[in-house]
Amino acid sequence: MAVMTIHVKEATSATSIQEIEGLLLKMDEIERALVDVEEGGIKITYDENQVDEDQIIKRIQLEGFHIE
């Protein structure tokens, strides 16, 4: 498993955080997604043999979120 941290502009309210976490956890390749509300950072644990960081970022962006 690999770990990455990204910052999502919209990760500041409970609703958007739940949306982002739900989106990520629907992906079979992602084991865990933890959001730091104060910083807007998301720590993602994923299977690097099945998905890479670019694919995860593109999926988040396709849902209308903005990576900082």
PDB file of N, CA and C in Angstrom:
ATOM      1  N   MET A   1       0.835  -1.186   0.000  1.00  0.00           N
ATOM      2  CA  MET A   1       0.000   0.000   0.000  1.00  0.00           C
ATOM      3  C   MET A   1       0.880   1.249   0.000  1.00  0.00           C
ATOM      4  N   ALA A   2       0.394   2.255  -0.677  1.00  0.00           N
ATOM      5  CA  ALA A   2       1.086   3.541  -0.731  1.00  0.00           C
ATOM      6  C   ALA A   2       0.189   4.600  -0.094  1.00  0.00           C
ATOM      7  N   VAL A   3       0.800   5.708   0.288  1.00  0.00           N
ATOM      8  CA  VAL A   3       0.060   6.804   0.913  1.00  0.00           C
ATOM      9  C   VAL A   3       0.375   8.086   0.162  1.00  0.00           C
ATOM     10  N   MET A   4      -0.653   8.881  -0.077  1.00  0.00           N
ATOM     11  CA  MET A   4      -0.465  10.192  -0.690  1.00  0.00           C
ATOM     12  C   MET A   4      -1.326  11.201   0.060  1.00  0.00           C
ATOM     13  N   THR A   5      -0.905  12.450   0.042  1.00  0.00           N
ATOM     14  CA  THR A   5      -1.700  13.518   0.642  1.00  0.00           C
ATOM     15  C   THR A   5      -1.940  14.575  -0.415  1.00  0.00           C
ATOM     16  N   ILE A   6      -3.194  14.955  -0.569  1.00  0.00           N
ATOM     17  CA  ILE A   6      -3.555  16.011  -1.519  1.00  0.00           C
ATOM     18  C   ILE A   6      -4.395  17.048  -0.787  1.00  0.00           C
ATOM     19  N   HIS A   7      -4.463  18.219  -1.352  1.00  0.00           N
ATOM     20  CA  HIS A   7      -5.279  19.282  -0.783  1.00  0.00           C
ATOM     21  C   HIS A   7      -6.402  19.600  -1.760  1.00  0.00           C
ATOM     22  N   VAL A   8      -7.624  19.528  -1.244  1.00  0.00           N
ATOM     23  CA  VAL A   8      -8.806  19.798  -2.052  1.00  0.00           C
ATOM     24  C   VAL A   8      -9.431  21.092  -1.547  1.00  0.00           C
ATOM     25  N   LYS A   9      -9.585  22.035  -2.458  1.00  0.00           N
ATOM     26  CA  LYS A   9     -10.091  23.361  -2.117  1.00  0.00           C
ATOM     27  C   LYS A   9     -11.423  23.303  -1.369  1.00  0.00           C
ATOM     28  N   GLU A  10     -12.307  22.421  -1.782  1.00  0.00           N
ATOM     29  CA  GLU A  10     -13.656  22.358  -1.227  1.00  0.00           C
ATOM     30  C   GLU A  10     -13.757  21.569   0.087  1.00  0.00           C
ATOM     31  N   ALA A  11     -12.670  20.998   0.567  1.00  0.00           N
ATOM     32  CA  ALA A  11     -12.716  20.155   1.769  1.00  0.00           C
ATOM     33  C   ALA A  11     -12.738  21.001   3.038  1.00  0.00           C
ATOM     34  N   THR A  12     -13.782  21.821   3.169  1.00  0.00           N
ATOM     35  CA  THR A  12     -13.870  22.716   4.326  1.00  0.00           C
ATOM     36  C   THR A  12     -15.177  22.573   5.094  1.00  0.00           C
ATOM     37  N   SER A  13     -16.146  21.889   4.527  1.00  0.00           N
ATOM     38  CA  SER A  13     -17.425  21.711   5.224  1.00  0.00           C
ATOM     39  C   SER A  13     -17.704  20.224   5.382  1.00  0.00           C
ATOM     40  N   ALA A  14     -18.545  19.896   6.349  1.00  0.00           N
ATOM     41  CA  ALA A  14     -18.856  18.490   6.611  1.00  0.00           C
ATOM     42  C   ALA A  14     -19.449  17.803   5.384  1.00  0.00           C
ATOM     43  N   THR A  15     -20.304  18.509   4.657  1.00  0.00           N
ATOM     44  CA  THR A  15     -20.951  17.923   3.481  1.00  0.00           C
ATOM     45  C   THR A  15     -19.943  17.587   2.395  1.00  0.00           C
ATOM     46  N   SER A  16     -19.079  18.533   2.066  1.00  0.00           N
ATOM     47  CA  SER A  16     -18.109  18.269   1.000  1.00  0.00           C
ATOM     48  C   SER A  16     -17.093  17.209   1.420  1.00  0.00           C
ATOM     49  N   ILE A  17     -16.731  17.190   2.681  1.00  0.00           N
ATOM     50  CA  ILE A  17     -15.798  16.172   3.168  1.00  0.00           C
ATOM     51  C   ILE A  17     -16.425  14.786   3.034  1.00  0.00           C
ATOM     52  N   GLN A  18     -17.681  14.657   3.392  1.00  0.00           N
ATOM     53  CA  GLN A  18     -18.368  13.373   3.246  1.00  0.00           C
ATOM     54  C   GLN A  18     -18.456  12.957   1.784  1.00  0.00           C
ATOM     55  N   GLU A  19     -18.693  13.909   0.902  1.00  0.00           N
ATOM     56  CA  GLU A  19     -18.753  13.604  -0.533  1.00  0.00           C
ATOM     57  C   GLU A  19     -17.414  13.086  -1.033  1.00  0.00           C
ATOM     58  N   ILE A  20     -16.345  13.762  -0.645  1.00  0.00           N
ATOM     59  CA  ILE A  20     -15.005  13.367  -1.099  1.00  0.00           C
ATOM     60  C   ILE A  20     -14.633  11.999  -0.536  1.00  0.00           C
ATOM     61  N   GLU A  21     -14.846  11.806   0.753  1.00  0.00           N
ATOM     62  CA  GLU A  21     -14.536  10.511   1.356  1.00  0.00           C
ATOM     63  C   GLU A  21     -15.358   9.406   0.712  1.00  0.00           C
ATOM     64  N   GLY A  22     -16.643   9.654   0.502  1.00  0.00           N
ATOM     65  CA  GLY A  22     -17.506   8.653  -0.129  1.00  0.00           C
ATOM     66  C   GLY A  22     -17.041   8.302  -1.531  1.00  0.00           C
ATOM     67  N   LEU A  23     -16.671   9.314  -2.296  1.00  0.00           N
ATOM     68  CA  LEU A  23     -16.176   9.109  -3.656  1.00  0.00           C
ATOM     69  C   LEU A  23     -14.932   8.224  -3.641  1.00  0.00           C
ATOM     70  N   LEU A  24     -13.997   8.552  -2.775  1.00  0.00           N
ATOM     71  CA  LEU A  24     -12.744   7.807  -2.727  1.00  0.00           C
ATOM     72  C   LEU A  24     -12.947   6.375  -2.243  1.00  0.00           C
ATOM     73  N   LEU A  25     -13.777   6.207  -1.235  1.00  0.00           N
ATOM     74  CA  LEU A  25     -13.962   4.873  -0.668  1.00  0.00           C
ATOM     75  C   LEU A  25     -14.782   3.956  -1.568  1.00  0.00           C
ATOM     76  N   LYS A  26     -15.440   4.508  -2.570  1.00  0.00           N
ATOM     77  CA  LYS A  26     -16.142   3.680  -3.562  1.00  0.00           C
ATOM     78  C   LYS A  26     -15.153   3.013  -4.515  1.00  0.00           C
ATOM     79  N   MET A  27     -13.943   3.564  -4.580  1.00  0.00           N
ATOM     80  CA  MET A  27     -12.917   2.986  -5.443  1.00  0.00           C
ATOM     81  C   MET A  27     -12.305   1.781  -4.729  1.00  0.00           C
ATOM     82  N   ASP A  28     -12.344   0.614  -5.368  1.00  0.00           N
ATOM     83  CA  ASP A  28     -11.826  -0.608  -4.748  1.00  0.00           C
ATOM     84  C   ASP A  28     -10.347  -0.504  -4.386  1.00  0.00           C
ATOM     85  N   GLU A  29      -9.607   0.285  -5.141  1.00  0.00           N
ATOM     86  CA  GLU A  29      -8.159   0.385  -4.942  1.00  0.00           C
ATOM     87  C   GLU A  29      -7.778   1.236  -3.728  1.00  0.00           C
ATOM     88  N   ILE A  30      -8.740   1.953  -3.156  1.00  0.00           N
ATOM     89  CA  ILE A  30      -8.452   2.834  -2.028  1.00  0.00           C
ATOM     90  C   ILE A  30      -8.889   2.164  -0.734  1.00  0.00           C
ATOM     91  N   GLU A  31      -7.938   2.060   0.189  1.00  0.00           N
ATOM     92  CA  GLU A  31      -8.213   1.411   1.471  1.00  0.00           C
ATOM     93  C   GLU A  31      -8.742   2.409   2.494  1.00  0.00           C
ATOM     94  N   ARG A  32      -8.201   3.636   2.484  1.00  0.00           N
ATOM     95  CA  ARG A  32      -8.578   4.615   3.499  1.00  0.00           C
ATOM     96  C   ARG A  32      -8.439   6.021   2.962  1.00  0.00           C
ATOM     97  N   ALA A  33      -9.326   6.909   3.405  1.00  0.00           N
ATOM     98  CA  ALA A  33      -9.252   8.327   3.054  1.00  0.00           C
ATOM     99  C   ALA A  33      -9.607   9.129   4.298  1.00  0.00           C
ATOM    100  N   LEU A  34      -8.649   9.890   4.791  1.00  0.00           N
ATOM    101  CA  LEU A  34      -8.855  10.692   5.997  1.00  0.00           C
ATOM    102  C   LEU A  34      -8.682  12.163   5.654  1.00  0.00           C
ATOM    103  N   VAL A  35      -9.651  12.985   6.039  1.00  0.00           N
ATOM    104  CA  VAL A  35      -9.626  14.410   5.724  1.00  0.00           C
ATOM    105  C   VAL A  35      -9.253  15.207   6.961  1.00  0.00           C
ATOM    106  N   ASP A  36      -8.298  16.135   6.799  1.00  0.00           N
ATOM    107  CA  ASP A  36      -7.951  17.105   7.835  1.00  0.00           C
ATOM    108  C   ASP A  36      -8.760  18.367   7.544  1.00  0.00           C
ATOM    109  N   VAL A  37      -9.783  18.600   8.334  1.00  0.00           N
ATOM    110  CA  VAL A  37     -10.727  19.690   8.082  1.00  0.00           C
ATOM    111  C   VAL A  37     -10.039  21.054   8.094  1.00  0.00           C
ATOM    112  N   GLU A  38      -9.138  21.267   9.018  1.00  0.00           N
ATOM    113  CA  GLU A  38      -8.498  22.575   9.153  1.00  0.00           C
ATOM    114  C   GLU A  38      -7.613  22.926   7.962  1.00  0.00           C
ATOM    115  N   GLU A  39      -6.931  21.928   7.418  1.00  0.00           N
ATOM    116  CA  GLU A  39      -6.002  22.188   6.318  1.00  0.00           C
ATOM    117  C   GLU A  39      -6.560  21.833   4.950  1.00  0.00           C
ATOM    118  N   GLY A  40      -7.648  21.074   4.919  1.00  0.00           N
ATOM    119  CA  GLY A  40      -8.208  20.642   3.639  1.00  0.00           C
ATOM    120  C   GLY A  40      -7.402  19.538   2.990  1.00  0.00           C
ATOM    121  N   GLY A  41      -6.519  18.923   3.761  1.00  0.00           N
ATOM    122  CA  GLY A  41      -5.693  17.842   3.236  1.00  0.00           C
ATOM    123  C   GLY A  41      -6.387  16.497   3.366  1.00  0.00           C
ATOM    124  N   ILE A  42      -6.168  15.641   2.400  1.00  0.00           N
ATOM    125  CA  ILE A  42      -6.740  14.301   2.430  1.00  0.00           C
ATOM    126  C   ILE A  42      -5.599  13.299   2.319  1.00  0.00           C
ATOM    127  N   LYS A  43      -5.494  12.444   3.323  1.00  0.00           N
ATOM    128  CA  LYS A  43      -4.480  11.392   3.322  1.00  0.00           C
ATOM    129  C   LYS A  43      -5.145  10.131   2.795  1.00  0.00           C
ATOM    130  N   ILE A  44      -4.613   9.631   1.696  1.00  0.00           N
ATOM    131  CA  ILE A  44      -5.222   8.495   0.996  1.00  0.00           C
ATOM    132  C   ILE A  44      -4.259   7.311   1.011  1.00  0.00           C
ATOM    133  N   THR A  45      -4.752   6.168   1.470  1.00  0.00           N
ATOM    134  CA  THR A  45      -3.987   4.926   1.421  1.00  0.00           C
ATOM    135  C   THR A  45      -4.572   4.089   0.293  1.00  0.00           C
ATOM    136  N   TYR A  46      -3.732   3.691  -0.651  1.00  0.00           N
ATOM    137  CA  TYR A  46      -4.232   3.007  -1.847  1.00  0.00           C
ATOM    138  C   TYR A  46      -3.276   1.917  -2.303  1.00  0.00           C
ATOM    139  N   ASP A  47      -3.783   1.025  -3.146  1.00  0.00           N
ATOM    140  CA  ASP A  47      -2.989  -0.059  -3.714  1.00  0.00           C
ATOM    141  C   ASP A  47      -2.316   0.449  -4.983  1.00  0.00           C
ATOM    142  N   GLU A  48      -1.028   0.717  -4.873  1.00  0.00           N
ATOM    143  CA  GLU A  48      -0.285   1.287  -5.992  1.00  0.00           C
ATOM    144  C   GLU A  48      -0.128   0.321  -7.165  1.00  0.00           C
ATOM    145  N   ASN A  49      -0.453  -0.948  -6.956  1.00  0.00           N
ATOM    146  CA  ASN A  49      -0.409  -1.922  -8.048  1.00  0.00           C
ATOM    147  C   ASN A  49      -1.659  -1.853  -8.924  1.00  0.00           C
ATOM    148  N   GLN A  50      -2.706  -1.187  -8.432  1.00  0.00           N
ATOM    149  CA  GLN A  50      -3.958  -1.114  -9.178  1.00  0.00           C
ATOM    150  C   GLN A  50      -4.298   0.285  -9.661  1.00  0.00           C
ATOM    151  N   VAL A  51      -3.759   1.314  -9.003  1.00  0.00           N
ATOM    152  CA  VAL A  51      -4.092   2.690  -9.352  1.00  0.00           C
ATOM    153  C   VAL A  51      -2.892   3.574  -9.004  1.00  0.00           C
ATOM    154  N   ASP A  52      -2.735   4.677  -9.735  1.00  0.00           N
ATOM    155  CA  ASP A  52      -1.650   5.600  -9.388  1.00  0.00           C
ATOM    156  C   ASP A  52      -2.234   6.947  -8.963  1.00  0.00           C
ATOM    157  N   GLU A  53      -1.358   7.816  -8.476  1.00  0.00           N
ATOM    158  CA  GLU A  53      -1.796   9.112  -7.952  1.00  0.00           C
ATOM    159  C   GLU A  53      -2.552   9.933  -8.998  1.00  0.00           C
ATOM    160  N   ASP A  54      -2.085   9.922 -10.229  1.00  0.00           N
ATOM    161  CA  ASP A  54      -2.757  10.692 -11.281  1.00  0.00           C
ATOM    162  C   ASP A  54      -4.192  10.222 -11.504  1.00  0.00           C
ATOM    163  N   GLN A  55      -4.414   8.924 -11.445  1.00  0.00           N
ATOM    164  CA  GLN A  55      -5.767   8.396 -11.634  1.00  0.00           C
ATOM    165  C   GLN A  55      -6.691   8.826 -10.491  1.00  0.00           C
ATOM    166  N   ILE A  56      -6.170   8.841  -9.283  1.00  0.00           N
ATOM    167  CA  ILE A  56      -6.969   9.265  -8.127  1.00  0.00           C
ATOM    168  C   ILE A  56      -7.320  10.744  -8.258  1.00  0.00           C
ATOM    169  N   ILE A  57      -6.338  11.557  -8.613  1.00  0.00           N
ATOM    170  CA  ILE A  57      -6.564  12.995  -8.772  1.00  0.00           C
ATOM    171  C   ILE A  57      -7.581  13.261  -9.875  1.00  0.00           C
ATOM    172  N   LYS A  58      -7.446  12.579 -10.998  1.00  0.00           N
ATOM    173  CA  LYS A  58      -8.401  12.769 -12.105  1.00  0.00           C
ATOM    174  C   LYS A  58      -9.817  12.408 -11.682  1.00  0.00           C
ATOM    175  N   ARG A  59      -9.970  11.350 -10.893  1.00  0.00           N
ATOM    176  CA  ARG A  59     -11.300  10.934 -10.430  1.00  0.00           C
ATOM    177  C   ARG A  59     -11.917  12.023  -9.553  1.00  0.00           C
ATOM    178  N   ILE A  60     -11.123  12.610  -8.671  1.00  0.00           N
ATOM    179  CA  ILE A  60     -11.612  13.680  -7.796  1.00  0.00           C
ATOM    180  C   ILE A  60     -12.008  14.895  -8.635  1.00  0.00           C
ATOM    181  N   GLN A  61     -11.196  15.232  -9.606  1.00  0.00           N
ATOM    182  CA  GLN A  61     -11.478  16.386 -10.463  1.00  0.00           C
ATOM    183  C   GLN A  61     -12.715  16.154 -11.330  1.00  0.00           C
ATOM    184  N   LEU A  62     -12.925  14.926 -11.781  1.00  0.00           N
ATOM    185  CA  LEU A  62     -14.103  14.615 -12.586  1.00  0.00           C
ATOM    186  C   LEU A  62     -15.402  14.855 -11.810  1.00  0.00           C
ATOM    187  N   GLU A  63     -15.318  14.761 -10.508  1.00  0.00           N
ATOM    188  CA  GLU A  63     -16.493  14.993  -9.663  1.00  0.00           C
ATOM    189  C   GLU A  63     -16.672  16.472  -9.325  1.00  0.00           C
ATOM    190  N   GLY A  64     -15.808  17.334  -9.888  1.00  0.00           N
ATOM    191  CA  GLY A  64     -15.973  18.772  -9.712  1.00  0.00           C
ATOM    192  C   GLY A  64     -15.168  19.395  -8.587  1.00  0.00           C
ATOM    193  N   PHE A  65     -14.282  18.631  -7.969  1.00  0.00           N
ATOM    194  CA  PHE A  65     -13.444  19.169  -6.903  1.00  0.00           C
ATOM    195  C   PHE A  65     -12.138  19.693  -7.484  1.00  0.00           C
ATOM    196  N   HIS A  66     -11.522  20.629  -6.781  1.00  0.00           N
ATOM    197  CA  HIS A  66     -10.303  21.272  -7.258  1.00  0.00           C
ATOM    198  C   HIS A  66      -9.120  20.940  -6.355  1.00  0.00           C
ATOM    199  N   ILE A  67      -8.069  20.413  -6.960  1.00  0.00           N
ATOM    200  CA  ILE A  67      -6.851  20.069  -6.240  1.00  0.00           C
ATOM    201  C   ILE A  67      -5.970  21.315  -6.169  1.00  0.00           C
ATOM    202  N   GLU A  68      -5.449  21.587  -4.989  1.00  0.00           N
ATOM    203  CA  GLU A  68      -4.573  22.763  -4.817  1.00  0.00           C
ATOM    204  C   GLU A  68      -3.122  22.353  -4.882  1.00  0.00           C
TER     205      GLU A  68
END
